[in-house]
Amino acid sequence: MRIQSIFIGSVVVGVLSTSYLSLINLLCCFGVMLGGGVAAWHYISTSNRSIDPVEGASLGAGAGFLGSLLSAAFDWALRPLGLDGESVIQNLMGMDMEQMMQQQDEMVQESMMQEPSVGMILITLIMGAILWAVFGALGGAVGASLFGGNDADPDTPPPPPDAPSQTDTSW
C-alpha cells in the first residue's frame, strides 16, 4: 500500500511539473509538496489508520524523488511538441533562441549549441531528485498532519479530568 501511495503521489508531482503546469512550482515547489501530501492522504485513507508527520515525510520524499524522474520523462516526451518545461518558459518570456544567440559572443554561442553531456544530465537529475524529495517530504509531513487524524475510537468517552488539588492555598 505504501508503494501504491508513493506512486500516486509521484504521478501528481510528475504531471504538475510538466509543460505549463510546471509553473505551479514557482510557488516554492507547490506542485511537489502537493504530490507529497497526496501520497500521505492516499496512504491514510487506504490503510484506515493515522500516521505521524515523520511517516508522512517518508511517503512524500518517495513521491518527490520518483516524481522528479517522471517529470524528466514527461518533459523528454513533450520536447518534440515544444511543450517541455524549458520551451514553455522561453515562450512565456518571449525569448527566441536565435535572437539570444545573435546578441551573445562566439564563445557563449558555441557552448549553447553543444548538447549537454551525459554526466551533466545525470548530475542535474540527481540534484533535482534530492531537492524534490525534500519538498515532497515537507508536503508529506503537512499532509499527515492535516489528514492523519488519530487512532482513538470515536465511541470511547474522553478520560475524566484530574481531581482538584487538596493543597491549602491560604498563607
N, C-alpha and C. Protein backbone atom coordinates (compact mmCIF):
# COMPACT_ATOMS: atom_id res chain seq x y z
N MET A 1 0.82 -1.19 0.00
CA MET A 1 0.00 0.00 0.00
C MET A 1 0.87 1.26 0.00
N ARG A 2 2.03 1.20 0.68
CA ARG A 2 2.93 2.36 0.70
C ARG A 2 3.42 2.68 -0.71
N ILE A 3 3.81 1.64 -1.43
CA ILE A 3 4.36 1.87 -2.77
C ILE A 3 3.29 2.44 -3.69
N GLN A 4 2.07 1.96 -3.56
CA GLN A 4 0.97 2.49 -4.37
C GLN A 4 0.74 3.97 -4.04
N SER A 5 0.78 4.32 -2.77
CA SER A 5 0.59 5.72 -2.37
C SER A 5 1.72 6.60 -2.89
N ILE A 6 2.95 6.09 -2.80
CA ILE A 6 4.10 6.85 -3.31
C ILE A 6 3.97 7.03 -4.82
N PHE A 7 3.55 5.98 -5.52
CA PHE A 7 3.41 6.08 -6.97
C PHE A 7 2.33 7.09 -7.35
N ILE A 8 1.19 7.08 -6.66
CA ILE A 8 0.12 8.04 -6.96
C ILE A 8 0.61 9.46 -6.70
N GLY A 9 1.30 9.67 -5.58
CA GLY A 9 1.86 10.99 -5.30
C GLY A 9 2.88 11.41 -6.34
N SER A 10 3.69 10.46 -6.81
CA SER A 10 4.72 10.79 -7.81
C SER A 10 4.10 11.14 -9.16
N VAL A 11 2.99 10.52 -9.50
CA VAL A 11 2.30 10.88 -10.75
C VAL A 11 1.78 12.32 -10.64
N VAL A 12 1.25 12.68 -9.47
CA VAL A 12 0.81 14.06 -9.27
C VAL A 12 1.98 15.02 -9.42
N VAL A 13 3.12 14.68 -8.80
CA VAL A 13 4.32 15.52 -8.92
C VAL A 13 4.76 15.61 -10.37
N GLY A 14 4.82 14.48 -11.07
CA GLY A 14 5.29 14.46 -12.45
C GLY A 14 4.40 15.27 -13.38
N VAL A 15 3.10 15.13 -13.23
CA VAL A 15 2.16 15.86 -14.09
C VAL A 15 2.20 17.36 -13.78
N LEU A 16 2.23 17.70 -12.49
CA LEU A 16 2.24 19.12 -12.12
C LEU A 16 3.60 19.78 -12.36
N SER A 17 4.57 19.01 -12.78
CA SER A 17 5.90 19.57 -13.06
C SER A 17 6.25 19.48 -14.53
N THR A 18 5.25 19.35 -15.38
CA THR A 18 5.46 19.20 -16.81
C THR A 18 4.70 20.28 -17.56
N SER A 19 5.28 20.78 -18.61
CA SER A 19 4.66 21.73 -19.51
C SER A 19 4.19 22.98 -18.76
N TYR A 20 3.03 23.49 -19.11
CA TYR A 20 2.54 24.71 -18.49
C TYR A 20 2.18 24.52 -17.03
N LEU A 21 1.84 23.31 -16.64
CA LEU A 21 1.50 23.04 -15.25
C LEU A 21 2.71 23.21 -14.33
N SER A 22 3.91 23.17 -14.89
CA SER A 22 5.11 23.30 -14.07
C SER A 22 5.24 24.68 -13.45
N LEU A 23 4.47 25.64 -13.94
CA LEU A 23 4.54 26.99 -13.37
C LEU A 23 4.06 27.01 -11.92
N ILE A 24 3.28 26.01 -11.50
CA ILE A 24 2.84 25.95 -10.11
C ILE A 24 4.02 25.77 -9.18
N ASN A 25 5.12 25.21 -9.68
CA ASN A 25 6.29 25.00 -8.85
C ASN A 25 7.09 26.29 -8.62
N LEU A 26 6.70 27.36 -9.27
CA LEU A 26 7.33 28.65 -8.97
C LEU A 26 6.91 29.15 -7.59
N LEU A 27 5.83 28.60 -7.07
CA LEU A 27 5.37 28.93 -5.72
C LEU A 27 6.00 27.97 -4.72
N CYS A 28 7.30 28.05 -4.56
CA CYS A 28 8.05 27.25 -3.59
C CYS A 28 7.79 25.76 -3.77
N CYS A 29 7.89 25.29 -5.00
CA CYS A 29 7.70 23.87 -5.34
C CYS A 29 6.36 23.33 -4.85
N PHE A 30 5.31 24.13 -5.01
CA PHE A 30 3.99 23.76 -4.51
C PHE A 30 3.47 22.47 -5.12
N GLY A 31 3.73 22.24 -6.40
CA GLY A 31 3.28 21.01 -7.04
C GLY A 31 3.94 19.79 -6.44
N VAL A 32 5.20 19.91 -6.07
CA VAL A 32 5.93 18.80 -5.46
C VAL A 32 5.38 18.55 -4.05
N MET A 33 5.16 19.62 -3.30
CA MET A 33 4.60 19.45 -1.96
C MET A 33 3.18 18.88 -2.02
N LEU A 34 2.42 19.30 -3.02
CA LEU A 34 1.07 18.76 -3.19
C LEU A 34 1.11 17.26 -3.46
N GLY A 35 2.04 16.82 -4.29
CA GLY A 35 2.20 15.39 -4.55
C GLY A 35 2.57 14.62 -3.30
N GLY A 36 3.44 15.18 -2.47
CA GLY A 36 3.79 14.54 -1.20
C GLY A 36 2.58 14.45 -0.28
N GLY A 37 1.77 15.50 -0.25
CA GLY A 37 0.54 15.47 0.55
C GLY A 37 -0.46 14.46 0.03
N VAL A 38 -0.55 14.31 -1.29
CA VAL A 38 -1.45 13.32 -1.88
C VAL A 38 -1.00 11.91 -1.51
N ALA A 39 0.31 11.67 -1.49
CA ALA A 39 0.81 10.35 -1.11
C ALA A 39 0.42 10.03 0.34
N ALA A 40 0.59 11.01 1.23
CA ALA A 40 0.21 10.80 2.63
C ALA A 40 -1.30 10.60 2.76
N TRP A 41 -2.07 11.43 2.08
CA TRP A 41 -3.53 11.30 2.14
C TRP A 41 -3.99 9.93 1.64
N HIS A 42 -3.43 9.48 0.52
CA HIS A 42 -3.84 8.19 -0.04
C HIS A 42 -3.50 7.05 0.92
N TYR A 43 -2.32 7.11 1.51
CA TYR A 43 -1.94 6.04 2.44
C TYR A 43 -2.86 6.02 3.66
N ILE A 44 -3.17 7.20 4.20
CA ILE A 44 -4.05 7.28 5.36
C ILE A 44 -5.44 6.76 5.03
N SER A 45 -5.96 7.15 3.87
CA SER A 45 -7.33 6.76 3.53
C SER A 45 -7.44 5.28 3.15
N THR A 46 -6.41 4.69 2.60
CA THR A 46 -6.50 3.28 2.23
C THR A 46 -6.11 2.35 3.36
N SER A 47 -5.28 2.79 4.28
CA SER A 47 -4.88 1.92 5.39
C SER A 47 -5.79 2.08 6.60
N ASN A 48 -6.63 3.09 6.59
CA ASN A 48 -7.56 3.36 7.69
C ASN A 48 -6.86 3.46 9.04
N ARG A 49 -5.73 4.11 9.04
CA ARG A 49 -5.02 4.38 10.29
C ARG A 49 -4.32 5.72 10.18
N SER A 50 -4.01 6.28 11.30
CA SER A 50 -3.32 7.57 11.27
C SER A 50 -1.82 7.35 11.16
N ILE A 51 -1.14 8.35 10.65
CA ILE A 51 0.32 8.30 10.57
C ILE A 51 0.87 9.59 11.16
N ASP A 52 2.07 9.51 11.65
CA ASP A 52 2.69 10.72 12.18
C ASP A 52 3.39 11.48 11.05
N PRO A 53 3.76 12.73 11.29
CA PRO A 53 4.40 13.52 10.22
C PRO A 53 5.70 12.92 9.69
N VAL A 54 6.41 12.16 10.51
CA VAL A 54 7.65 11.54 10.03
C VAL A 54 7.35 10.49 8.97
N GLU A 55 6.32 9.68 9.20
CA GLU A 55 5.94 8.69 8.20
C GLU A 55 5.39 9.37 6.95
N GLY A 56 4.64 10.47 7.15
CA GLY A 56 4.16 11.24 6.01
C GLY A 56 5.31 11.83 5.21
N ALA A 57 6.35 12.27 5.92
CA ALA A 57 7.52 12.82 5.23
C ALA A 57 8.22 11.76 4.40
N SER A 58 8.28 10.53 4.91
CA SER A 58 8.93 9.48 4.13
C SER A 58 8.12 9.14 2.88
N LEU A 59 6.80 9.15 3.00
CA LEU A 59 5.96 8.93 1.81
C LEU A 59 6.15 10.07 0.81
N GLY A 60 6.15 11.31 1.31
CA GLY A 60 6.32 12.47 0.44
C GLY A 60 7.68 12.52 -0.22
N ALA A 61 8.72 12.11 0.52
CA ALA A 61 10.06 12.10 -0.06
C ALA A 61 10.13 11.10 -1.21
N GLY A 62 9.52 9.95 -1.02
CA GLY A 62 9.49 8.96 -2.10
C GLY A 62 8.73 9.48 -3.31
N ALA A 63 7.60 10.15 -3.05
CA ALA A 63 6.81 10.71 -4.15
C ALA A 63 7.58 11.81 -4.87
N GLY A 64 8.28 12.66 -4.13
CA GLY A 64 9.07 13.73 -4.75
C GLY A 64 10.21 13.18 -5.58
N PHE A 65 10.91 12.18 -5.04
CA PHE A 65 12.03 11.58 -5.76
C PHE A 65 11.56 10.93 -7.05
N LEU A 66 10.57 10.05 -6.96
CA LEU A 66 10.07 9.36 -8.15
C LEU A 66 9.39 10.34 -9.11
N GLY A 67 8.72 11.36 -8.57
CA GLY A 67 8.07 12.36 -9.40
C GLY A 67 9.06 13.17 -10.23
N SER A 68 10.26 13.40 -9.68
CA SER A 68 11.27 14.13 -10.46
C SER A 68 11.69 13.32 -11.69
N LEU A 69 11.78 12.01 -11.52
CA LEU A 69 12.14 11.15 -12.66
C LEU A 69 10.99 11.09 -13.68
N LEU A 70 9.75 11.01 -13.19
CA LEU A 70 8.61 11.02 -14.10
C LEU A 70 8.51 12.34 -14.85
N SER A 71 8.77 13.43 -14.17
CA SER A 71 8.71 14.74 -14.81
C SER A 71 9.76 14.84 -15.92
N ALA A 72 10.95 14.34 -15.65
CA ALA A 72 12.00 14.35 -16.68
C ALA A 72 11.57 13.52 -17.89
N ALA A 73 10.94 12.38 -17.63
CA ALA A 73 10.47 11.54 -18.74
C ALA A 73 9.35 12.23 -19.51
N PHE A 74 8.42 12.88 -18.80
CA PHE A 74 7.34 13.59 -19.47
C PHE A 74 7.88 14.75 -20.30
N ASP A 75 8.84 15.50 -19.74
CA ASP A 75 9.44 16.61 -20.49
C ASP A 75 10.15 16.10 -21.74
N TRP A 76 10.86 14.99 -21.60
CA TRP A 76 11.56 14.42 -22.75
C TRP A 76 10.56 14.03 -23.83
N ALA A 77 9.43 13.45 -23.44
CA ALA A 77 8.42 13.03 -24.41
C ALA A 77 7.72 14.22 -25.07
N LEU A 78 7.60 15.33 -24.34
CA LEU A 78 6.91 16.51 -24.88
C LEU A 78 7.83 17.48 -25.62
N ARG A 79 9.14 17.24 -25.55
CA ARG A 79 10.09 18.14 -26.20
C ARG A 79 9.86 18.28 -27.70
N PRO A 80 9.57 17.21 -28.46
CA PRO A 80 9.33 17.38 -29.91
C PRO A 80 8.11 18.26 -30.21
N LEU A 81 7.17 18.33 -29.29
CA LEU A 81 5.99 19.16 -29.49
C LEU A 81 6.20 20.60 -29.01
N GLY A 82 7.35 20.87 -28.41
CA GLY A 82 7.61 22.20 -27.88
C GLY A 82 6.85 22.47 -26.59
N LEU A 83 6.46 21.43 -25.88
CA LEU A 83 5.70 21.59 -24.65
C LEU A 83 6.48 21.18 -23.41
N ASP A 84 7.79 21.02 -23.53
CA ASP A 84 8.60 20.72 -22.36
C ASP A 84 8.76 21.97 -21.51
N GLY A 85 9.22 21.81 -20.29
CA GLY A 85 9.33 22.93 -19.36
C GLY A 85 10.18 24.08 -19.88
N GLU A 86 11.30 23.77 -20.49
CA GLU A 86 12.20 24.81 -20.99
C GLU A 86 11.55 25.62 -22.11
N SER A 87 10.89 24.94 -23.04
CA SER A 87 10.22 25.63 -24.15
C SER A 87 9.09 26.51 -23.65
N VAL A 88 8.36 26.02 -22.66
CA VAL A 88 7.25 26.80 -22.09
C VAL A 88 7.77 28.09 -21.47
N ILE A 89 8.83 27.99 -20.69
CA ILE A 89 9.41 29.18 -20.05
C ILE A 89 9.89 30.17 -21.11
N GLN A 90 10.55 29.66 -22.15
CA GLN A 90 11.03 30.55 -23.21
C GLN A 90 9.87 31.23 -23.92
N ASN A 91 8.80 30.50 -24.17
CA ASN A 91 7.63 31.10 -24.82
C ASN A 91 6.99 32.17 -23.94
N LEU A 92 6.91 31.90 -22.66
CA LEU A 92 6.28 32.87 -21.75
C LEU A 92 7.13 34.13 -21.59
N MET A 93 8.43 33.96 -21.65
CA MET A 93 9.31 35.12 -21.52
C MET A 93 9.47 35.86 -22.84
N GLY A 94 8.97 35.29 -23.92
CA GLY A 94 9.04 35.94 -25.22
C GLY A 94 10.44 35.92 -25.82
N MET A 95 11.23 34.95 -25.42
CA MET A 95 12.60 34.88 -25.93
C MET A 95 12.68 33.92 -27.10
N ASP A 96 13.34 34.32 -28.10
CA ASP A 96 13.62 33.47 -29.25
C ASP A 96 15.09 33.09 -29.16
N MET A 97 15.39 31.80 -29.18
CA MET A 97 16.78 31.36 -29.02
C MET A 97 17.70 31.93 -30.09
N GLU A 98 17.22 32.05 -31.32
CA GLU A 98 18.08 32.61 -32.37
C GLU A 98 18.42 34.06 -32.06
N GLN A 99 17.45 34.81 -31.58
CA GLN A 99 17.69 36.21 -31.24
C GLN A 99 18.70 36.32 -30.09
N MET A 100 18.59 35.44 -29.11
CA MET A 100 19.54 35.45 -28.00
C MET A 100 20.94 35.12 -28.47
N MET A 101 21.05 34.17 -29.41
CA MET A 101 22.36 33.76 -29.88
C MET A 101 23.05 34.87 -30.67
N GLN A 102 22.28 35.67 -31.38
CA GLN A 102 22.87 36.77 -32.14
C GLN A 102 23.44 37.83 -31.21
N GLN A 103 22.89 37.98 -30.04
CA GLN A 103 23.33 39.01 -29.11
C GLN A 103 24.52 38.57 -28.28
N GLN A 104 24.82 37.32 -28.25
CA GLN A 104 25.90 36.82 -27.40
C GLN A 104 27.17 36.64 -28.22
N ASP A 105 28.28 36.62 -27.53
CA ASP A 105 29.55 36.44 -28.24
C ASP A 105 29.74 35.00 -28.70
N GLU A 106 30.81 34.77 -29.45
CA GLU A 106 31.03 33.49 -30.10
C GLU A 106 31.22 32.34 -29.11
N MET A 107 31.89 32.57 -28.02
CA MET A 107 32.14 31.51 -27.06
C MET A 107 30.84 31.02 -26.42
N VAL A 108 29.96 31.92 -26.08
CA VAL A 108 28.69 31.54 -25.47
C VAL A 108 27.82 30.81 -26.48
N GLN A 109 27.88 31.24 -27.74
CA GLN A 109 27.11 30.56 -28.78
C GLN A 109 27.54 29.10 -28.91
N GLU A 110 28.84 28.86 -28.90
CA GLU A 110 29.34 27.50 -29.04
C GLU A 110 28.90 26.62 -27.87
N SER A 111 28.94 27.18 -26.68
CA SER A 111 28.56 26.37 -25.51
C SER A 111 27.06 26.08 -25.51
N MET A 112 26.24 27.00 -26.03
CA MET A 112 24.80 26.77 -26.06
C MET A 112 24.42 25.77 -27.15
N MET A 113 25.19 25.69 -28.21
CA MET A 113 24.87 24.80 -29.32
C MET A 113 25.27 23.36 -29.01
N GLN A 114 26.18 23.17 -28.06
CA GLN A 114 26.61 21.83 -27.72
C GLN A 114 25.53 21.12 -26.92
N GLU A 115 25.41 19.84 -27.16
CA GLU A 115 24.48 19.02 -26.38
C GLU A 115 25.06 18.85 -24.98
N PRO A 116 24.21 18.83 -23.97
CA PRO A 116 24.75 18.60 -22.63
C PRO A 116 25.31 17.19 -22.51
N SER A 117 26.35 17.05 -21.73
CA SER A 117 26.98 15.75 -21.57
C SER A 117 26.10 14.84 -20.71
N VAL A 118 26.35 13.57 -20.81
CA VAL A 118 25.60 12.59 -20.01
C VAL A 118 25.84 12.84 -18.53
N GLY A 119 27.07 13.18 -18.19
CA GLY A 119 27.39 13.48 -16.79
C GLY A 119 26.60 14.67 -16.26
N MET A 120 26.49 15.71 -17.07
CA MET A 120 25.74 16.89 -16.65
C MET A 120 24.25 16.56 -16.50
N ILE A 121 23.73 15.75 -17.39
CA ILE A 121 22.32 15.35 -17.29
C ILE A 121 22.10 14.54 -16.01
N LEU A 122 23.01 13.62 -15.72
CA LEU A 122 22.87 12.81 -14.50
C LEU A 122 22.98 13.66 -13.25
N ILE A 123 23.91 14.59 -13.22
CA ILE A 123 24.06 15.47 -12.05
C ILE A 123 22.80 16.30 -11.86
N THR A 124 22.25 16.82 -12.95
CA THR A 124 21.02 17.60 -12.87
C THR A 124 19.86 16.76 -12.36
N LEU A 125 19.74 15.53 -12.87
CA LEU A 125 18.67 14.63 -12.41
C LEU A 125 18.82 14.30 -10.93
N ILE A 126 20.03 14.01 -10.49
CA ILE A 126 20.25 13.63 -9.09
C ILE A 126 19.98 14.82 -8.17
N MET A 127 20.48 15.99 -8.52
CA MET A 127 20.25 17.18 -7.68
C MET A 127 18.76 17.53 -7.63
N GLY A 128 18.08 17.43 -8.77
CA GLY A 128 16.64 17.69 -8.79
C GLY A 128 15.88 16.68 -7.97
N ALA A 129 16.27 15.42 -8.05
CA ALA A 129 15.59 14.37 -7.28
C ALA A 129 15.76 14.59 -5.78
N ILE A 130 16.96 15.00 -5.38
CA ILE A 130 17.20 15.26 -3.95
C ILE A 130 16.38 16.47 -3.49
N LEU A 131 16.39 17.53 -4.27
CA LEU A 131 15.63 18.73 -3.91
C LEU A 131 14.14 18.43 -3.86
N TRP A 132 13.65 17.70 -4.83
CA TRP A 132 12.22 17.39 -4.86
C TRP A 132 11.84 16.42 -3.75
N ALA A 133 12.77 15.55 -3.35
CA ALA A 133 12.48 14.66 -2.22
C ALA A 133 12.31 15.47 -0.94
N VAL A 134 13.11 16.53 -0.79
CA VAL A 134 13.00 17.39 0.39
C VAL A 134 11.65 18.09 0.40
N PHE A 135 11.26 18.70 -0.72
CA PHE A 135 9.97 19.39 -0.77
C PHE A 135 8.80 18.39 -0.70
N GLY A 136 8.97 17.21 -1.26
CA GLY A 136 7.95 16.17 -1.14
C GLY A 136 7.79 15.73 0.31
N ALA A 137 8.91 15.62 1.04
CA ALA A 137 8.85 15.26 2.45
C ALA A 137 8.10 16.32 3.25
N LEU A 138 8.34 17.57 2.92
CA LEU A 138 7.62 18.65 3.59
C LEU A 138 6.12 18.54 3.32
N GLY A 139 5.75 18.29 2.08
CA GLY A 139 4.34 18.12 1.74
C GLY A 139 3.74 16.89 2.40
N GLY A 140 4.49 15.81 2.49
CA GLY A 140 4.01 14.60 3.15
C GLY A 140 3.79 14.80 4.64
N ALA A 141 4.70 15.54 5.28
CA ALA A 141 4.54 15.82 6.71
C ALA A 141 3.31 16.69 6.95
N VAL A 142 3.11 17.68 6.11
CA VAL A 142 1.92 18.53 6.24
C VAL A 142 0.66 17.72 5.97
N GLY A 143 0.71 16.87 4.94
CA GLY A 143 -0.44 16.02 4.62
C GLY A 143 -0.78 15.08 5.76
N ALA A 144 0.24 14.50 6.40
CA ALA A 144 -0.01 13.61 7.54
C ALA A 144 -0.62 14.38 8.69
N SER A 145 -0.17 15.61 8.91
CA SER A 145 -0.74 16.43 9.98
C SER A 145 -2.18 16.82 9.68
N LEU A 146 -2.47 17.13 8.42
CA LEU A 146 -3.83 17.54 8.06
C LEU A 146 -4.80 16.38 8.01
N PHE A 147 -4.39 15.26 7.41
CA PHE A 147 -5.30 14.15 7.17
C PHE A 147 -5.11 12.99 8.13
N GLY A 148 -4.10 13.06 8.99
CA GLY A 148 -3.74 11.93 9.84
C GLY A 148 -4.76 11.54 10.86
N GLY A 149 -5.42 12.50 11.45
CA GLY A 149 -6.40 12.18 12.48
C GLY A 149 -5.73 11.50 13.65
N ASN A 150 -6.48 10.63 14.33
CA ASN A 150 -5.90 9.86 15.41
C ASN A 150 -6.55 8.49 15.44
N ASP A 151 -5.96 7.58 16.21
CA ASP A 151 -6.45 6.20 16.27
C ASP A 151 -7.50 5.99 17.35
N ALA A 152 -7.90 7.04 18.05
CA ALA A 152 -8.85 6.87 19.14
C ALA A 152 -10.20 6.43 18.60
N ASP A 153 -10.85 5.54 19.36
CA ASP A 153 -12.18 5.06 18.98
C ASP A 153 -13.18 6.18 19.24
N PRO A 154 -13.99 6.56 18.24
CA PRO A 154 -14.92 7.67 18.45
C PRO A 154 -16.00 7.37 19.49
N ASP A 155 -16.24 6.07 19.81
CA ASP A 155 -17.25 5.73 20.80
C ASP A 155 -16.71 5.75 22.23
N THR A 156 -15.40 5.84 22.38
CA THR A 156 -14.81 5.87 23.70
C THR A 156 -14.87 7.29 24.24
N PRO A 157 -15.45 7.46 25.46
CA PRO A 157 -15.51 8.82 26.01
C PRO A 157 -14.12 9.29 26.42
N PRO A 158 -13.93 10.59 26.46
CA PRO A 158 -12.62 11.10 26.88
C PRO A 158 -12.38 10.78 28.36
N PRO A 159 -11.13 10.74 28.78
CA PRO A 159 -10.85 10.45 30.19
C PRO A 159 -11.38 11.57 31.07
N PRO A 160 -11.72 11.24 32.34
CA PRO A 160 -12.23 12.29 33.24
C PRO A 160 -11.12 13.28 33.57
N PRO A 161 -11.51 14.50 33.92
CA PRO A 161 -10.48 15.49 34.28
C PRO A 161 -9.82 15.11 35.60
N ASP A 162 -8.65 15.65 35.84
CA ASP A 162 -7.94 15.40 37.08
C ASP A 162 -8.75 15.95 38.26
N ALA A 163 -8.62 15.27 39.39
CA ALA A 163 -9.31 15.73 40.60
C ALA A 163 -8.70 17.05 41.06
N PRO A 164 -9.51 17.92 41.67
CA PRO A 164 -8.94 19.19 42.14
C PRO A 164 -7.90 18.95 43.23
N SER A 165 -6.97 19.84 43.29
CA SER A 165 -5.88 19.72 44.25
C SER A 165 -6.40 19.96 45.66
N GLN A 166 -5.89 19.17 46.63
CA GLN A 166 -6.31 19.28 48.03
C GLN A 166 -5.32 20.10 48.84
N THR A 167 -4.46 20.83 48.21
CA THR A 167 -3.48 21.61 48.95
C THR A 167 -4.13 22.88 49.46
N ASP A 168 -3.64 23.31 50.58
CA ASP A 168 -4.16 24.52 51.22
C ASP A 168 -3.49 25.71 50.55
N THR A 169 -4.28 26.62 50.03
CA THR A 169 -3.73 27.79 49.35
C THR A 169 -3.71 29.01 50.26
N SER A 170 -4.17 28.87 51.52
CA SER A 170 -4.14 30.05 52.42
C SER A 170 -2.76 30.16 53.03
N TRP A 171 -2.30 31.33 53.25
CA TRP A 171 -0.95 31.58 53.76
C TRP A 171 -1.06 31.97 55.14
